[in-house]
Amino acid sequence: MATVLSVSGSPSVSSRTARLLRHLDASLTAHGHEVVPLDVRTIPADALLGADFTHPAIVEAAALFERADGVVIGTPVYKAAYSGVLKALLDLLPQYALTGKTVLPLATGGSTAHVLALDYALRPVLSSMGARHIVPGWFTLDKDITVAEDGRVTVAPATAEALGQVVDQFLTALGPVPVLAAAS
């Protein structure tokens, strides 16, 4: 089983990005992987904005990245780029924090005008951090994500199909889940 770090770069408590990630986390778990969620918004702002590399929350976040075999990074798109809180965290991680990792970038936004933010803003940063393999990501329109009163997430059928394909590519790039032989 691989360990997957699922990072939400949204500053919002009621974020569609975070809810979409937690929805996808269930799929990754169903495929036998351990998923560790990380909502960047829960890291104290003084640690992020003060660039406090020694703050316990930053040290813990760096350790989560180090332990992960794969990383799913989701962000809302603001002003044609990924979120500031995600940028602040990525800036505080070691330069090669993604070395040897498989990464799936995801973004959400209100308009298809922001679809290129994945390839022109986020992907270069992930690549510079040493990611072994960055699978094709996916941009999801906010209108295609519905959150019910009970918190359940539904995704428009065409979007769900596309997300399923990129998650499958991510799973393939992570490699097979090892089968443990029964002890004799």
N, C-alpha and C. Protein backbone atom coordinates (compact mmCIF):
# COMPACT_ATOMS: atom_id res chain seq x y z
N MET A 1 0.85 -1.16 0.00
CA MET A 1 0.00 0.00 0.00
C MET A 1 0.89 1.23 0.00
N ALA A 2 0.54 2.16 -0.84
CA ALA A 2 1.26 3.44 -0.88
C ALA A 2 0.60 4.41 0.08
N THR A 3 1.40 5.35 0.55
CA THR A 3 0.88 6.43 1.37
C THR A 3 0.72 7.64 0.46
N VAL A 4 -0.49 8.19 0.43
CA VAL A 4 -0.80 9.34 -0.41
C VAL A 4 -1.14 10.52 0.48
N LEU A 5 -0.44 11.62 0.28
CA LEU A 5 -0.74 12.86 0.97
C LEU A 5 -1.68 13.66 0.09
N SER A 6 -2.84 14.00 0.62
CA SER A 6 -3.87 14.72 -0.12
C SER A 6 -3.94 16.15 0.43
N VAL A 7 -3.38 17.09 -0.34
CA VAL A 7 -3.19 18.46 0.14
C VAL A 7 -4.23 19.40 -0.47
N SER A 8 -4.99 20.05 0.40
CA SER A 8 -5.93 21.07 -0.05
C SER A 8 -5.29 22.43 0.18
N GLY A 9 -5.12 23.17 -0.92
CA GLY A 9 -4.55 24.49 -0.85
C GLY A 9 -5.58 25.59 -0.77
N SER A 10 -6.77 25.28 -0.30
CA SER A 10 -7.82 26.29 -0.20
C SER A 10 -7.81 26.96 1.17
N PRO A 11 -7.97 28.28 1.21
CA PRO A 11 -8.04 28.96 2.49
C PRO A 11 -9.44 28.92 3.12
N SER A 12 -10.42 28.36 2.42
CA SER A 12 -11.81 28.40 2.85
C SER A 12 -12.22 27.13 3.60
N VAL A 13 -12.98 27.32 4.68
CA VAL A 13 -13.51 26.20 5.45
C VAL A 13 -14.53 25.41 4.62
N SER A 14 -15.33 26.11 3.82
CA SER A 14 -16.37 25.45 3.04
C SER A 14 -15.92 25.22 1.59
N SER A 15 -14.67 24.96 1.40
CA SER A 15 -14.05 24.84 0.09
C SER A 15 -14.56 23.67 -0.74
N ARG A 16 -14.91 23.95 -1.98
CA ARG A 16 -15.24 22.87 -2.90
C ARG A 16 -13.98 22.06 -3.23
N THR A 17 -12.85 22.74 -3.27
CA THR A 17 -11.59 22.05 -3.55
C THR A 17 -11.33 20.98 -2.51
N ALA A 18 -11.41 21.34 -1.23
CA ALA A 18 -11.16 20.38 -0.15
C ALA A 18 -12.18 19.25 -0.19
N ARG A 19 -13.42 19.59 -0.44
CA ARG A 19 -14.46 18.54 -0.48
C ARG A 19 -14.25 17.60 -1.66
N LEU A 20 -13.82 18.14 -2.78
CA LEU A 20 -13.52 17.29 -3.94
C LEU A 20 -12.35 16.36 -3.61
N LEU A 21 -11.33 16.89 -2.96
CA LEU A 21 -10.19 16.05 -2.57
C LEU A 21 -10.61 14.94 -1.62
N ARG A 22 -11.42 15.27 -0.60
CA ARG A 22 -11.84 14.24 0.34
C ARG A 22 -12.70 13.19 -0.37
N HIS A 23 -13.46 13.61 -1.38
CA HIS A 23 -14.24 12.69 -2.21
C HIS A 23 -13.30 11.73 -2.96
N LEU A 24 -12.24 12.27 -3.53
CA LEU A 24 -11.26 11.44 -4.25
C LEU A 24 -10.45 10.58 -3.29
N ASP A 25 -10.22 11.08 -2.07
CA ASP A 25 -9.49 10.29 -1.06
C ASP A 25 -10.17 8.95 -0.84
N ALA A 26 -11.49 8.95 -0.83
CA ALA A 26 -12.24 7.71 -0.62
C ALA A 26 -11.93 6.70 -1.72
N SER A 27 -11.80 7.17 -2.94
CA SER A 27 -11.47 6.29 -4.06
C SER A 27 -10.06 5.71 -3.89
N LEU A 28 -9.12 6.56 -3.49
CA LEU A 28 -7.75 6.09 -3.29
C LEU A 28 -7.68 5.07 -2.16
N THR A 29 -8.44 5.31 -1.11
CA THR A 29 -8.49 4.37 0.01
C THR A 29 -9.10 3.04 -0.44
N ALA A 30 -10.14 3.11 -1.26
CA ALA A 30 -10.78 1.90 -1.76
C ALA A 30 -9.83 1.06 -2.62
N HIS A 31 -8.82 1.71 -3.18
CA HIS A 31 -7.82 0.99 -3.98
C HIS A 31 -6.67 0.47 -3.11
N GLY A 32 -6.82 0.57 -1.79
CA GLY A 32 -5.84 -0.02 -0.88
C GLY A 32 -4.72 0.89 -0.41
N HIS A 33 -4.85 2.18 -0.66
CA HIS A 33 -3.79 3.10 -0.25
C HIS A 33 -4.17 3.83 1.03
N GLU A 34 -3.16 4.17 1.81
CA GLU A 34 -3.37 4.99 2.99
C GLU A 34 -3.38 6.44 2.53
N VAL A 35 -4.42 7.18 2.87
CA VAL A 35 -4.52 8.58 2.48
C VAL A 35 -4.45 9.45 3.72
N VAL A 36 -3.55 10.43 3.67
CA VAL A 36 -3.38 11.37 4.77
C VAL A 36 -3.80 12.75 4.27
N PRO A 37 -4.91 13.30 4.79
CA PRO A 37 -5.35 14.62 4.34
C PRO A 37 -4.59 15.74 5.04
N LEU A 38 -4.30 16.79 4.29
CA LEU A 38 -3.67 17.98 4.86
C LEU A 38 -4.37 19.20 4.28
N ASP A 39 -5.05 19.94 5.13
CA ASP A 39 -5.67 21.20 4.73
C ASP A 39 -4.71 22.31 5.14
N VAL A 40 -4.10 22.97 4.15
CA VAL A 40 -3.09 23.98 4.43
C VAL A 40 -3.66 25.09 5.30
N ARG A 41 -4.95 25.37 5.17
CA ARG A 41 -5.57 26.45 5.95
C ARG A 41 -5.49 26.20 7.45
N THR A 42 -5.23 24.96 7.87
CA THR A 42 -5.14 24.66 9.30
C THR A 42 -3.76 24.97 9.88
N ILE A 43 -2.79 25.23 9.02
CA ILE A 43 -1.46 25.61 9.49
C ILE A 43 -1.52 27.07 9.92
N PRO A 44 -1.01 27.39 11.09
CA PRO A 44 -1.10 28.77 11.57
C PRO A 44 -0.52 29.78 10.58
N ALA A 45 -1.28 30.85 10.36
CA ALA A 45 -0.88 31.88 9.41
C ALA A 45 0.47 32.50 9.78
N ASP A 46 0.74 32.66 11.08
CA ASP A 46 2.02 33.26 11.47
C ASP A 46 3.19 32.38 11.04
N ALA A 47 3.01 31.07 11.04
CA ALA A 47 4.07 30.16 10.60
C ALA A 47 4.27 30.26 9.09
N LEU A 48 3.16 30.29 8.35
CA LEU A 48 3.25 30.38 6.89
C LEU A 48 3.79 31.73 6.43
N LEU A 49 3.17 32.79 6.90
CA LEU A 49 3.53 34.13 6.43
C LEU A 49 4.84 34.64 7.03
N GLY A 50 5.19 34.13 8.20
CA GLY A 50 6.44 34.51 8.83
C GLY A 50 7.60 33.63 8.41
N ALA A 51 7.34 32.69 7.51
CA ALA A 51 8.37 31.76 7.02
C ALA A 51 9.13 31.11 8.18
N ASP A 52 8.36 30.61 9.12
CA ASP A 52 8.95 29.98 10.31
C ASP A 52 9.17 28.49 10.04
N PHE A 53 10.34 28.19 9.50
CA PHE A 53 10.69 26.82 9.15
C PHE A 53 10.71 25.89 10.36
N THR A 54 10.86 26.44 11.55
CA THR A 54 10.97 25.63 12.76
C THR A 54 9.64 25.45 13.49
N HIS A 55 8.60 26.11 13.00
CA HIS A 55 7.29 25.98 13.65
C HIS A 55 6.86 24.51 13.57
N PRO A 56 6.34 23.96 14.67
CA PRO A 56 5.94 22.54 14.68
C PRO A 56 4.99 22.16 13.53
N ALA A 57 4.09 23.04 13.15
CA ALA A 57 3.14 22.71 12.06
C ALA A 57 3.87 22.62 10.72
N ILE A 58 4.88 23.43 10.51
CA ILE A 58 5.65 23.38 9.27
C ILE A 58 6.54 22.14 9.27
N VAL A 59 7.14 21.85 10.39
CA VAL A 59 7.97 20.64 10.52
C VAL A 59 7.12 19.40 10.25
N GLU A 60 5.91 19.37 10.82
CA GLU A 60 5.01 18.22 10.61
C GLU A 60 4.59 18.11 9.15
N ALA A 61 4.26 19.23 8.53
CA ALA A 61 3.88 19.20 7.11
C ALA A 61 5.02 18.67 6.25
N ALA A 62 6.23 19.13 6.52
CA ALA A 62 7.40 18.64 5.76
C ALA A 62 7.57 17.13 5.96
N ALA A 63 7.33 16.65 7.18
CA ALA A 63 7.44 15.22 7.46
C ALA A 63 6.37 14.43 6.71
N LEU A 64 5.17 14.99 6.60
CA LEU A 64 4.11 14.31 5.84
C LEU A 64 4.51 14.18 4.37
N PHE A 65 5.08 15.22 3.80
CA PHE A 65 5.55 15.15 2.41
C PHE A 65 6.66 14.11 2.28
N GLU A 66 7.56 14.08 3.23
CA GLU A 66 8.68 13.13 3.18
C GLU A 66 8.20 11.69 3.21
N ARG A 67 7.20 11.39 4.05
CA ARG A 67 6.70 10.03 4.20
C ARG A 67 5.84 9.55 3.03
N ALA A 68 5.29 10.48 2.28
CA ALA A 68 4.34 10.12 1.22
C ALA A 68 5.03 9.50 0.01
N ASP A 69 4.35 8.52 -0.58
CA ASP A 69 4.80 7.96 -1.85
C ASP A 69 4.24 8.76 -3.01
N GLY A 70 3.04 9.27 -2.80
CA GLY A 70 2.36 10.08 -3.81
C GLY A 70 1.69 11.27 -3.15
N VAL A 71 1.48 12.32 -3.94
CA VAL A 71 0.87 13.54 -3.42
C VAL A 71 -0.20 14.00 -4.40
N VAL A 72 -1.39 14.23 -3.87
CA VAL A 72 -2.46 14.87 -4.63
C VAL A 72 -2.53 16.30 -4.11
N ILE A 73 -2.38 17.27 -5.00
CA ILE A 73 -2.43 18.67 -4.59
C ILE A 73 -3.60 19.34 -5.30
N GLY A 74 -4.53 19.85 -4.50
CA GLY A 74 -5.68 20.54 -5.04
C GLY A 74 -5.67 22.00 -4.62
N THR A 75 -6.08 22.86 -5.53
CA THR A 75 -6.10 24.28 -5.24
C THR A 75 -7.23 24.97 -5.99
N PRO A 76 -7.84 25.95 -5.35
CA PRO A 76 -8.72 26.81 -6.13
C PRO A 76 -7.82 27.74 -6.95
N VAL A 77 -8.33 28.22 -8.06
CA VAL A 77 -7.56 29.15 -8.88
C VAL A 77 -8.02 30.56 -8.57
N TYR A 78 -7.06 31.38 -8.19
CA TYR A 78 -7.31 32.80 -7.92
C TYR A 78 -6.38 33.60 -8.82
N LYS A 79 -6.93 34.53 -9.56
CA LYS A 79 -6.13 35.41 -10.42
C LYS A 79 -5.16 34.61 -11.28
N ALA A 80 -5.66 33.54 -11.89
CA ALA A 80 -4.94 32.70 -12.84
C ALA A 80 -3.76 31.93 -12.24
N ALA A 81 -3.79 31.70 -10.93
CA ALA A 81 -2.71 30.94 -10.30
C ALA A 81 -3.27 30.15 -9.12
N TYR A 82 -2.43 29.31 -8.56
CA TYR A 82 -2.84 28.54 -7.39
C TYR A 82 -2.88 29.46 -6.17
N SER A 83 -3.47 28.99 -5.09
CA SER A 83 -3.74 29.85 -3.93
C SER A 83 -2.46 30.29 -3.22
N GLY A 84 -2.58 31.41 -2.55
CA GLY A 84 -1.47 31.96 -1.78
C GLY A 84 -1.05 31.09 -0.61
N VAL A 85 -2.03 30.45 0.07
CA VAL A 85 -1.66 29.60 1.20
C VAL A 85 -0.88 28.38 0.72
N LEU A 86 -1.24 27.86 -0.45
CA LEU A 86 -0.48 26.74 -1.01
C LEU A 86 0.93 27.21 -1.37
N LYS A 87 1.03 28.37 -1.99
CA LYS A 87 2.34 28.94 -2.34
C LYS A 87 3.20 29.10 -1.10
N ALA A 88 2.61 29.64 -0.03
CA ALA A 88 3.36 29.84 1.21
C ALA A 88 3.90 28.51 1.75
N LEU A 89 3.08 27.45 1.73
CA LEU A 89 3.54 26.15 2.21
C LEU A 89 4.64 25.60 1.31
N LEU A 90 4.42 25.60 0.01
CA LEU A 90 5.43 25.05 -0.91
C LEU A 90 6.76 25.77 -0.75
N ASP A 91 6.71 27.08 -0.49
CA ASP A 91 7.94 27.85 -0.30
C ASP A 91 8.71 27.43 0.96
N LEU A 92 8.00 26.89 1.95
CA LEU A 92 8.65 26.50 3.20
C LEU A 92 9.13 25.06 3.23
N LEU A 93 8.75 24.28 2.23
CA LEU A 93 9.21 22.90 2.17
C LEU A 93 10.63 22.86 1.63
N PRO A 94 11.36 21.79 1.91
CA PRO A 94 12.70 21.65 1.33
C PRO A 94 12.62 21.72 -0.21
N GLN A 95 13.67 22.22 -0.83
CA GLN A 95 13.69 22.42 -2.28
C GLN A 95 13.26 21.18 -3.05
N TYR A 96 13.69 20.02 -2.61
CA TYR A 96 13.37 18.79 -3.34
C TYR A 96 12.41 17.89 -2.55
N ALA A 97 11.42 18.50 -1.95
CA ALA A 97 10.45 17.77 -1.12
C ALA A 97 9.64 16.75 -1.90
N LEU A 98 9.58 16.87 -3.21
CA LEU A 98 8.78 15.94 -4.01
C LEU A 98 9.64 14.91 -4.75
N THR A 99 10.93 14.86 -4.44
CA THR A 99 11.82 13.91 -5.10
C THR A 99 11.32 12.48 -4.90
N GLY A 100 11.19 11.78 -6.01
CA GLY A 100 10.74 10.39 -5.99
C GLY A 100 9.25 10.21 -5.84
N LYS A 101 8.50 11.30 -5.80
CA LYS A 101 7.05 11.22 -5.58
C LYS A 101 6.30 11.26 -6.91
N THR A 102 5.15 10.63 -6.92
CA THR A 102 4.19 10.77 -8.00
C THR A 102 3.19 11.82 -7.55
N VAL A 103 2.88 12.78 -8.43
CA VAL A 103 2.04 13.90 -8.04
C VAL A 103 0.87 14.04 -9.00
N LEU A 104 -0.31 14.27 -8.43
CA LEU A 104 -1.52 14.56 -9.20
C LEU A 104 -1.98 15.96 -8.85
N PRO A 105 -1.83 16.93 -9.78
CA PRO A 105 -2.32 18.29 -9.52
C PRO A 105 -3.78 18.43 -9.94
N LEU A 106 -4.58 19.08 -9.10
CA LEU A 106 -5.98 19.34 -9.39
C LEU A 106 -6.28 20.80 -9.08
N ALA A 107 -7.22 21.36 -9.82
CA ALA A 107 -7.62 22.75 -9.55
C ALA A 107 -9.12 22.88 -9.74
N THR A 108 -9.68 23.86 -9.03
CA THR A 108 -11.09 24.19 -9.18
C THR A 108 -11.20 25.68 -9.44
N GLY A 109 -12.26 26.05 -10.12
CA GLY A 109 -12.47 27.47 -10.39
C GLY A 109 -13.81 27.72 -11.03
N GLY A 110 -14.15 28.99 -11.13
CA GLY A 110 -15.45 29.39 -11.64
C GLY A 110 -15.55 29.50 -13.15
N SER A 111 -14.41 29.47 -13.83
CA SER A 111 -14.43 29.68 -15.28
C SER A 111 -13.34 28.86 -15.96
N THR A 112 -13.64 28.39 -17.15
CA THR A 112 -12.62 27.65 -17.91
C THR A 112 -11.47 28.55 -18.33
N ALA A 113 -11.60 29.85 -18.14
CA ALA A 113 -10.50 30.77 -18.44
C ALA A 113 -9.28 30.47 -17.56
N HIS A 114 -9.50 29.74 -16.46
CA HIS A 114 -8.41 29.44 -15.52
C HIS A 114 -7.79 28.06 -15.70
N VAL A 115 -8.21 27.32 -16.71
CA VAL A 115 -7.78 25.94 -16.85
C VAL A 115 -6.26 25.81 -17.02
N LEU A 116 -5.61 26.79 -17.61
CA LEU A 116 -4.17 26.69 -17.84
C LEU A 116 -3.33 26.94 -16.59
N ALA A 117 -3.97 27.33 -15.50
CA ALA A 117 -3.23 27.56 -14.25
C ALA A 117 -2.49 26.30 -13.80
N LEU A 118 -3.05 25.14 -14.08
CA LEU A 118 -2.38 23.90 -13.72
C LEU A 118 -1.03 23.77 -14.42
N ASP A 119 -1.03 23.97 -15.73
CA ASP A 119 0.18 23.75 -16.51
C ASP A 119 1.17 24.91 -16.47
N TYR A 120 0.67 26.12 -16.31
CA TYR A 120 1.56 27.28 -16.37
C TYR A 120 1.93 27.87 -15.02
N ALA A 121 1.21 27.51 -13.98
CA ALA A 121 1.54 28.03 -12.65
C ALA A 121 1.98 26.91 -11.71
N LEU A 122 1.16 25.87 -11.55
CA LEU A 122 1.45 24.84 -10.56
C LEU A 122 2.47 23.80 -11.02
N ARG A 123 2.30 23.27 -12.20
CA ARG A 123 3.19 22.19 -12.68
C ARG A 123 4.68 22.57 -12.64
N PRO A 124 5.07 23.79 -13.07
CA PRO A 124 6.51 24.13 -13.00
C PRO A 124 7.07 24.11 -11.57
N VAL A 125 6.27 24.54 -10.61
CA VAL A 125 6.73 24.52 -9.22
C VAL A 125 6.90 23.08 -8.74
N LEU A 126 5.93 22.23 -9.05
CA LEU A 126 6.01 20.83 -8.64
C LEU A 126 7.21 20.15 -9.28
N SER A 127 7.45 20.47 -10.53
CA SER A 127 8.60 19.91 -11.24
C SER A 127 9.91 20.37 -10.61
N SER A 128 9.99 21.65 -10.25
CA SER A 128 11.22 22.18 -9.66
C SER A 128 11.50 21.57 -8.29
N MET A 129 10.46 21.01 -7.68
CA MET A 129 10.62 20.38 -6.37
C MET A 129 10.99 18.90 -6.49
N GLY A 130 11.28 18.44 -7.70
CA GLY A 130 11.83 17.11 -7.89
C GLY A 130 10.85 15.98 -8.08
N ALA A 131 9.59 16.27 -8.34
CA ALA A 131 8.61 15.19 -8.51
C ALA A 131 9.10 14.18 -9.54
N ARG A 132 8.99 12.90 -9.21
CA ARG A 132 9.40 11.82 -10.11
C ARG A 132 8.49 11.79 -11.34
N HIS A 133 7.20 11.93 -11.07
CA HIS A 133 6.23 11.87 -12.17
C HIS A 133 5.03 12.75 -11.79
N ILE A 134 4.71 13.69 -12.65
CA ILE A 134 3.52 14.51 -12.46
C ILE A 134 2.52 14.06 -13.51
N VAL A 135 1.47 13.40 -13.07
CA VAL A 135 0.47 12.91 -14.02
C VAL A 135 -0.37 14.08 -14.50
N PRO A 136 -1.02 13.93 -15.65
CA PRO A 136 -1.89 15.01 -16.11
C PRO A 136 -2.92 15.34 -15.04
N GLY A 137 -3.06 16.59 -14.75
CA GLY A 137 -4.00 17.02 -13.73
C GLY A 137 -5.37 17.25 -14.33
N TRP A 138 -6.24 17.85 -13.52
CA TRP A 138 -7.59 18.13 -13.99
C TRP A 138 -8.12 19.39 -13.34
N PHE A 139 -8.76 20.22 -14.16
CA PHE A 139 -9.43 21.43 -13.69
C PHE A 139 -10.91 21.15 -13.65
N THR A 140 -11.53 21.40 -12.50
CA THR A 140 -12.96 21.17 -12.33
C THR A 140 -13.67 22.49 -12.09
N LEU A 141 -14.72 22.72 -12.83
CA LEU A 141 -15.53 23.92 -12.62
C LEU A 141 -16.30 23.80 -11.31
N ASP A 142 -16.38 24.90 -10.57
CA ASP A 142 -17.13 24.90 -9.31
C ASP A 142 -18.55 24.38 -9.51
N LYS A 143 -19.19 24.75 -10.62
CA LYS A 143 -20.58 24.35 -10.86
C LYS A 143 -20.74 22.84 -11.02
N ASP A 144 -19.64 22.13 -11.27
CA ASP A 144 -19.70 20.68 -11.43
C ASP A 144 -19.54 19.92 -10.12
N ILE A 145 -19.38 20.65 -9.01
CA ILE A 145 -19.23 20.04 -7.69
C ILE A 145 -20.42 20.48 -6.85
N THR A 146 -21.19 19.51 -6.40
CA THR A 146 -22.35 19.80 -5.55
C THR A 146 -22.13 19.19 -4.18
N VAL A 147 -22.36 20.01 -3.16
CA VAL A 147 -22.22 19.53 -1.79
C VAL A 147 -23.60 19.53 -1.14
N ALA A 148 -24.05 18.35 -0.73
CA ALA A 148 -25.36 18.21 -0.09
C ALA A 148 -25.28 18.71 1.35
N GLU A 149 -26.44 18.91 1.95
CA GLU A 149 -26.49 19.38 3.34
C GLU A 149 -25.76 18.44 4.30
N ASP A 150 -25.77 17.15 3.98
CA ASP A 150 -25.08 16.19 4.84
C ASP A 150 -23.58 16.10 4.56
N GLY A 151 -23.10 16.94 3.62
CA GLY A 151 -21.68 16.99 3.31
C GLY A 151 -21.24 16.09 2.17
N ARG A 152 -22.16 15.23 1.70
CA ARG A 152 -21.79 14.35 0.58
C ARG A 152 -21.56 15.16 -0.69
N VAL A 153 -20.56 14.74 -1.44
CA VAL A 153 -20.18 15.43 -2.66
C VAL A 153 -20.62 14.62 -3.87
N THR A 154 -21.21 15.30 -4.84
CA THR A 154 -21.47 14.68 -6.13
C THR A 154 -20.80 15.55 -7.19
N VAL A 155 -20.35 14.88 -8.21
CA VAL A 155 -19.64 15.55 -9.29
C VAL A 155 -20.40 15.26 -10.58
N ALA A 156 -20.51 16.29 -11.42
CA ALA A 156 -21.21 16.12 -12.71
C ALA A 156 -20.63 14.91 -13.44
N PRO A 157 -21.48 14.14 -14.13
CA PRO A 157 -21.04 12.88 -14.74
C PRO A 157 -19.80 12.99 -15.64
N ALA A 158 -19.74 13.96 -16.53
CA ALA A 158 -18.58 14.07 -17.42
C ALA A 158 -17.32 14.39 -16.63
N THR A 159 -17.45 15.22 -15.61
CA THR A 159 -16.31 15.56 -14.76
C THR A 159 -15.88 14.36 -13.93
N ALA A 160 -16.85 13.62 -13.41
CA ALA A 160 -16.54 12.42 -12.63
C ALA A 160 -15.76 11.42 -13.48
N GLU A 161 -16.16 11.28 -14.73
CA GLU A 161 -15.47 10.36 -15.63
C GLU A 161 -14.03 10.82 -15.86
N ALA A 162 -13.85 12.10 -16.12
CA ALA A 162 -12.51 12.65 -16.36
C ALA A 162 -11.64 12.53 -15.11
N LEU A 163 -12.21 12.83 -13.94
CA LEU A 163 -11.46 12.68 -12.69
C LEU A 163 -11.08 11.22 -12.46
N GLY A 164 -11.99 10.32 -12.78
CA GLY A 164 -11.69 8.89 -12.66
C GLY A 164 -10.49 8.50 -13.50
N GLN A 165 -10.40 9.07 -14.69
CA GLN A 165 -9.27 8.75 -15.58
C GLN A 165 -7.95 9.28 -15.02
N VAL A 166 -7.95 10.52 -14.50
CA VAL A 166 -6.68 11.04 -13.97
C VAL A 166 -6.29 10.33 -12.68
N VAL A 167 -7.27 9.94 -11.88
CA VAL A 167 -6.97 9.16 -10.67
C VAL A 167 -6.41 7.80 -11.07
N ASP A 168 -6.97 7.17 -12.10
CA ASP A 168 -6.43 5.89 -12.58
C ASP A 168 -4.98 6.05 -13.05
N GLN A 169 -4.68 7.14 -13.75
CA GLN A 169 -3.30 7.39 -14.19
C GLN A 169 -2.38 7.57 -12.98
N PHE A 170 -2.87 8.26 -11.98
CA PHE A 170 -2.10 8.45 -10.75
C PHE A 170 -1.84 7.10 -10.09
N LEU A 171 -2.87 6.27 -9.97
CA LEU A 171 -2.73 4.96 -9.35
C LEU A 171 -1.74 4.09 -10.12
N THR A 172 -1.81 4.13 -11.44
CA THR A 172 -0.88 3.36 -12.27
C THR A 172 0.55 3.83 -12.04
N ALA A 173 0.74 5.15 -11.99
CA ALA A 173 2.08 5.70 -11.78
C ALA A 173 2.61 5.38 -10.38
N LEU A 174 1.71 5.28 -9.39
CA LEU A 174 2.14 4.91 -8.03
C LEU A 174 2.65 3.48 -8.00
N GLY A 175 2.09 2.65 -8.85
CA GLY A 175 2.49 1.25 -8.88
C GLY A 175 1.49 0.38 -8.17
N PRO A 176 1.63 -0.90 -8.34
CA PRO A 176 0.67 -1.83 -7.74
C PRO A 176 0.77 -1.84 -6.22
N VAL A 177 -0.36 -2.14 -5.61
CA VAL A 177 -0.39 -2.34 -4.17
C VAL A 177 0.21 -3.72 -3.92
N PRO A 178 1.26 -3.80 -3.09
CA PRO A 178 1.88 -5.10 -2.86
C PRO A 178 0.93 -6.06 -2.15
N VAL A 179 0.98 -7.31 -2.56
CA VAL A 179 0.16 -8.35 -1.92
C VAL A 179 1.05 -9.02 -0.89
N LEU A 180 0.58 -9.02 0.35
CA LEU A 180 1.35 -9.65 1.41
C LEU A 180 1.07 -11.13 1.44
N ALA A 181 2.12 -11.93 1.42
CA ALA A 181 1.97 -13.38 1.47
C ALA A 181 1.63 -13.78 2.90
N ALA A 182 0.78 -14.78 3.01
CA ALA A 182 0.40 -15.28 4.33
C ALA A 182 1.62 -15.96 4.98
N ALA A 183 1.76 -15.72 6.25
CA ALA A 183 2.88 -16.33 6.99
C ALA A 183 2.66 -17.83 7.10
N SER A 184 3.71 -18.58 6.89
CA SER A 184 3.60 -20.04 6.95
C SER A 184 3.91 -20.53 8.33
